Amino acid sequence: MLNYQQKPRKRNANPYLVQKIMSASREELVAYIYEFGATACAQKDPVKARTAVNNLIQSLNFDYKETAETFLSVYRYLGNLINQKRFDEAKAIFTDLKRTWVKAFNLP
């Protein structure tokens, strides 16, 4: 008999991954979010892909209005692609963004 009162199991976080994220620079964190979004799109997971887009939007610094607005337009477009289930196109954009970001900031 199934017990529906059981609490969901808590997943143990990978300590290597936790350390990697906790010690990352802001630039590295953005690169990780791009990777997360690309992976979510490859898995056709709209919830995770939208989470990536939302985190990217929240990371924008509007002190640099023109640049932030440009990225906001790209992120909104990504959100629209995900809503339309056009995961291959969204994955390609996430991948291109990550590649460019890593190159611009000389990240590993």
Protein backbone atom coordinates (compact mmCIF):
# COMPACT_ATOMS: atom_id res chain seq x y z
CA MET A 1 0.00 0.00 0.00
CA LEU A 2 1.29 3.45 -0.91
CA ASN A 3 1.61 5.99 1.80
CA TYR A 4 0.76 9.38 0.32
CA GLN A 5 1.79 11.10 3.54
CA GLN A 6 5.47 10.43 2.90
CA LYS A 7 7.61 13.46 2.39
CA PRO A 8 9.44 13.69 -0.91
CA ARG A 9 13.03 12.54 -0.73
CA LYS A 10 15.54 15.30 -0.55
CA ARG A 11 18.14 14.96 -3.26
CA ASN A 12 21.69 15.19 -2.06
CA ALA A 13 23.46 17.98 -3.85
CA ASN A 14 26.69 17.14 -5.59
CA PRO A 15 29.34 18.72 -3.32
CA TYR A 16 31.64 19.39 -6.29
CA LEU A 17 28.86 21.25 -8.10
CA VAL A 18 27.91 23.22 -4.98
CA GLN A 19 31.54 24.30 -4.49
CA LYS A 20 31.87 25.20 -8.17
CA ILE A 21 28.81 27.46 -8.02
CA MET A 22 29.60 29.00 -4.65
CA SER A 23 33.11 29.98 -5.74
CA ALA A 24 32.15 31.20 -9.23
CA SER A 25 32.42 34.80 -10.37
CA ARG A 26 29.33 36.60 -11.66
CA GLU A 27 30.57 36.07 -15.21
CA GLU A 28 31.02 32.34 -14.61
CA LEU A 29 27.52 32.09 -13.10
CA VAL A 30 26.00 33.60 -16.25
CA ALA A 31 27.93 31.06 -18.35
CA TYR A 32 26.56 28.26 -16.12
CA ILE A 33 23.01 29.54 -16.63
CA TYR A 34 23.53 29.57 -20.41
CA GLU A 35 24.71 25.95 -20.17
CA PHE A 36 21.75 25.03 -17.95
CA GLY A 37 19.36 26.59 -20.49
CA ALA A 38 20.95 24.75 -23.41
CA THR A 39 20.76 21.45 -21.51
CA ALA A 40 17.12 22.08 -20.59
CA CYS A 41 16.30 22.74 -24.23
CA ALA A 42 18.14 19.57 -25.31
CA GLN A 43 15.94 17.68 -22.82
CA LYS A 44 12.88 19.60 -24.05
CA ASP A 45 12.17 20.74 -20.49
CA PRO A 46 10.26 24.04 -20.70
CA VAL A 47 10.19 24.59 -16.93
CA LYS A 48 13.96 24.44 -16.55
CA ALA A 49 14.53 26.41 -19.75
CA ARG A 50 12.19 29.18 -18.54
CA THR A 51 13.97 29.12 -15.17
CA ALA A 52 17.24 29.81 -16.99
CA VAL A 53 15.69 32.70 -18.91
CA ASN A 54 14.15 34.17 -15.76
CA ASN A 55 17.48 33.99 -13.92
CA LEU A 56 19.23 35.68 -16.83
CA ILE A 57 16.66 38.48 -16.83
CA GLN A 58 17.09 38.92 -13.07
CA SER A 59 20.86 39.17 -13.52
CA LEU A 60 20.65 42.18 -15.83
CA ASN A 61 22.21 45.41 -14.59
CA PHE A 62 20.11 48.33 -15.79
CA ASP A 63 22.80 50.79 -14.73
CA TYR A 64 24.01 49.97 -18.25
CA LYS A 65 20.61 50.54 -19.81
CA GLU A 66 21.38 50.05 -23.51
CA THR A 67 23.29 46.81 -22.99
CA ALA A 68 20.72 45.47 -20.51
CA GLU A 69 17.84 46.26 -22.86
CA THR A 70 19.59 44.45 -25.70
CA PHE A 71 20.06 41.34 -23.59
CA LEU A 72 16.49 41.64 -22.31
CA SER A 73 15.22 41.52 -25.90
CA VAL A 74 17.26 38.39 -26.58
CA TYR A 75 16.06 36.73 -23.36
CA ARG A 76 12.43 37.56 -24.15
CA TYR A 77 12.89 36.05 -27.59
CA LEU A 78 14.33 32.92 -25.97
CA GLY A 79 11.28 32.77 -23.69
CA ASN A 80 8.99 32.98 -26.70
CA LEU A 81 10.86 30.17 -28.46
CA ILE A 82 10.54 28.00 -25.36
CA ASN A 83 6.81 28.79 -25.06
CA GLN A 84 6.42 27.72 -28.70
CA LYS A 85 8.39 24.52 -27.94
CA ARG A 86 11.06 25.49 -30.47
CA PHE A 87 13.74 23.94 -28.30
CA ASP A 88 16.34 23.38 -31.02
CA GLU A 89 16.40 27.09 -31.90
CA ALA A 90 16.50 28.11 -28.23
CA LYS A 91 19.32 25.64 -27.53
CA ALA A 92 21.34 27.10 -30.42
CA ILE A 93 20.92 30.62 -29.02
CA PHE A 94 21.86 29.55 -25.48
CA THR A 95 24.93 27.81 -26.90
CA ASP A 96 25.96 30.83 -28.99
CA LEU A 97 25.45 33.16 -26.03
CA LYS A 98 27.60 30.95 -23.82
CA ARG A 99 30.35 30.66 -26.43
CA THR A 100 30.44 34.45 -26.90
CA TRP A 101 30.24 35.16 -23.16
CA VAL A 102 33.10 32.76 -22.36
CA LYS A 103 35.24 34.31 -25.10
CA ALA A 104 34.45 37.90 -24.02
CA PHE A 105 35.42 37.25 -20.40
CA ASN A 106 38.26 34.76 -21.07
CA LEU A 107 36.53 32.06 -19.03
CA PRO A 108 37.67 28.44 -19.04
